[in-house]
Amino acid sequence: MTTAKIAITMEEGTLHRLDMLVKARVFPNRSKAIQDAVTEKLQKLERNRLAIECAKLSPATERKLAEEGMDEELAQWPEY
């Protein structure tokens, strides 16, 4: 994956905490720590968006759509 260099501004306290994680070898460097944090945040936002969209769905309507056309197929299935 191609990377791009950026410049960011952050509070000194946050930077100090980040540097402590790098010093403790939780992350190899600041860039990797920030990259992981941004990636994690974006994934969380995408999951939340999906959950919000799913909450808008009507279970009854979705069931009806899923079962559409199943009547003919069910008649062909053997009885157990």
C-alpha atoms as a PDB file:
ATOM      1  CA  MET A   1       0.000   0.000   0.000  1.00  0.00           C
ATOM      2  CA  THR A   2       1.285   3.443  -0.876  1.00  0.00           C
ATOM      3  CA  THR A   3       1.812   5.859   1.986  1.00  0.00           C
ATOM      4  CA  ALA A   4       1.734   9.638   2.101  1.00  0.00           C
ATOM      5  CA  LYS A   5       3.496  11.972   4.489  1.00  0.00           C
ATOM      6  CA  ILE A   6       1.312  14.407   6.436  1.00  0.00           C
ATOM      7  CA  ALA A   7       1.763  16.915   9.214  1.00  0.00           C
ATOM      8  CA  ILE A   8      -0.574  16.966  12.206  1.00  0.00           C
ATOM      9  CA  THR A   9      -1.045  19.074  15.303  1.00  0.00           C
ATOM     10  CA  MET A  10      -1.930  17.535  18.659  1.00  0.00           C
ATOM     11  CA  GLU A  11      -2.036  18.536  22.289  1.00  0.00           C
ATOM     12  CA  GLU A  12       1.246  18.165  24.134  1.00  0.00           C
ATOM     13  CA  GLY A  13      -0.309  15.849  26.715  1.00  0.00           C
ATOM     14  CA  THR A  14      -1.563  13.513  24.013  1.00  0.00           C
ATOM     15  CA  LEU A  15       1.833  13.574  22.324  1.00  0.00           C
ATOM     16  CA  HIS A  16       3.540  12.750  25.631  1.00  0.00           C
ATOM     17  CA  ARG A  17       1.214   9.766  26.153  1.00  0.00           C
ATOM     18  CA  LEU A  18       1.905   8.631  22.590  1.00  0.00           C
ATOM     19  CA  ASP A  19       5.648   8.922  23.128  1.00  0.00           C
ATOM     20  CA  MET A  20       5.352   6.818  26.287  1.00  0.00           C
ATOM     21  CA  LEU A  21       3.723   4.033  24.241  1.00  0.00           C
ATOM     22  CA  VAL A  22       6.514   4.238  21.679  1.00  0.00           C
ATOM     23  CA  LYS A  23       9.118   4.189  24.454  1.00  0.00           C
ATOM     24  CA  ALA A  24       7.408   1.113  25.962  1.00  0.00           C
ATOM     25  CA  ARG A  25       7.609  -0.496  22.497  1.00  0.00           C
ATOM     26  CA  VAL A  26       3.839  -0.798  22.173  1.00  0.00           C
ATOM     27  CA  PHE A  27       4.367   0.869  18.790  1.00  0.00           C
ATOM     28  CA  PRO A  28       7.595   1.061  16.801  1.00  0.00           C
ATOM     29  CA  ASN A  29       7.182   4.795  16.189  1.00  0.00           C
ATOM     30  CA  ARG A  30       4.736   7.702  16.275  1.00  0.00           C
ATOM     31  CA  SER A  31       3.685   7.228  12.670  1.00  0.00           C
ATOM     32  CA  LYS A  32       2.645   3.610  13.193  1.00  0.00           C
ATOM     33  CA  ALA A  33       0.745   4.492  16.377  1.00  0.00           C
ATOM     34  CA  ILE A  34      -1.178   7.285  14.665  1.00  0.00           C
ATOM     35  CA  GLN A  35      -1.816   5.172  11.566  1.00  0.00           C
ATOM     36  CA  ASP A  36      -3.236   2.334  13.705  1.00  0.00           C
ATOM     37  CA  ALA A  37      -5.395   4.744  15.694  1.00  0.00           C
ATOM     38  CA  VAL A  38      -6.860   6.381  12.585  1.00  0.00           C
ATOM     39  CA  THR A  39      -7.500   3.006  10.939  1.00  0.00           C
ATOM     40  CA  GLU A  40      -9.234   1.716  14.068  1.00  0.00           C
ATOM     41  CA  LYS A  41     -11.398   4.848  14.315  1.00  0.00           C
ATOM     42  CA  LEU A  42     -12.427   4.638  10.646  1.00  0.00           C
ATOM     43  CA  GLN A  43     -13.390   0.972  11.053  1.00  0.00           C
ATOM     44  CA  LYS A  44     -15.455   1.815  14.131  1.00  0.00           C
ATOM     45  CA  LEU A  45     -17.274   4.598  12.280  1.00  0.00           C
ATOM     46  CA  GLU A  46     -18.025   2.241   9.378  1.00  0.00           C
ATOM     47  CA  ARG A  47     -19.410  -0.417  11.756  1.00  0.00           C
ATOM     48  CA  ASN A  48     -21.573   2.181  13.476  1.00  0.00           C
ATOM     49  CA  ARG A  49     -22.882   3.397  10.125  1.00  0.00           C
ATOM     50  CA  LEU A  50     -23.782  -0.159   9.151  1.00  0.00           C
ATOM     51  CA  ALA A  51     -25.563  -0.694  12.481  1.00  0.00           C
ATOM     52  CA  ILE A  52     -27.529   2.525  12.017  1.00  0.00           C
ATOM     53  CA  GLU A  53     -28.581   1.517   8.505  1.00  0.00           C
ATOM     54  CA  CYS A  54     -29.556  -1.981   9.683  1.00  0.00           C
ATOM     55  CA  ALA A  55     -31.666  -0.483  12.470  1.00  0.00           C
ATOM     56  CA  LYS A  56     -33.722   1.303   9.806  1.00  0.00           C
ATOM     57  CA  LEU A  57     -34.770  -2.012   8.256  1.00  0.00           C
ATOM     58  CA  SER A  58     -38.164  -3.517   8.991  1.00  0.00           C
ATOM     59  CA  PRO A  59     -37.785  -7.146  10.127  1.00  0.00           C
ATOM     60  CA  ALA A  60     -41.218  -8.020   8.713  1.00  0.00           C
ATOM     61  CA  THR A  61     -40.410  -6.508   5.316  1.00  0.00           C
ATOM     62  CA  GLU A  62     -36.990  -8.160   5.219  1.00  0.00           C
ATOM     63  CA  ARG A  63     -38.531 -11.547   6.105  1.00  0.00           C
ATOM     64  CA  LYS A  64     -41.136 -11.103   3.386  1.00  0.00           C
ATOM     65  CA  LEU A  65     -38.414 -10.316   0.828  1.00  0.00           C
ATOM     66  CA  ALA A  66     -36.312 -13.284   1.969  1.00  0.00           C
ATOM     67  CA  GLU A  67     -39.250 -15.660   1.718  1.00  0.00           C
ATOM     68  CA  GLU A  68     -40.471 -14.313  -1.605  1.00  0.00           C
ATOM     69  CA  GLY A  69     -40.710 -17.169  -4.043  1.00  0.00           C
ATOM     70  CA  MET A  70     -40.102 -19.778  -1.358  1.00  0.00           C
ATOM     71  CA  ASP A  71     -43.690 -21.114  -1.475  1.00  0.00           C
ATOM     72  CA  GLU A  72     -43.086 -22.937  -4.759  1.00  0.00           C
ATOM     73  CA  GLU A  73     -39.737 -24.275  -3.580  1.00  0.00           C
ATOM     74  CA  LEU A  74     -41.152 -25.449  -0.262  1.00  0.00           C
ATOM     75  CA  ALA A  75     -43.815 -27.479  -2.056  1.00  0.00           C
ATOM     76  CA  GLN A  76     -41.040 -29.415  -3.797  1.00  0.00           C
ATOM     77  CA  TRP A  77     -39.173 -30.280  -0.579  1.00  0.00           C
ATOM     78  CA  PRO A  78     -39.817 -33.727   0.900  1.00  0.00           C
ATOM     79  CA  GLU A  79     -41.683 -34.093   4.199  1.00  0.00           C
ATOM     80  CA  TYR A  80     -39.585 -35.184   7.162  1.00  0.00           C
END
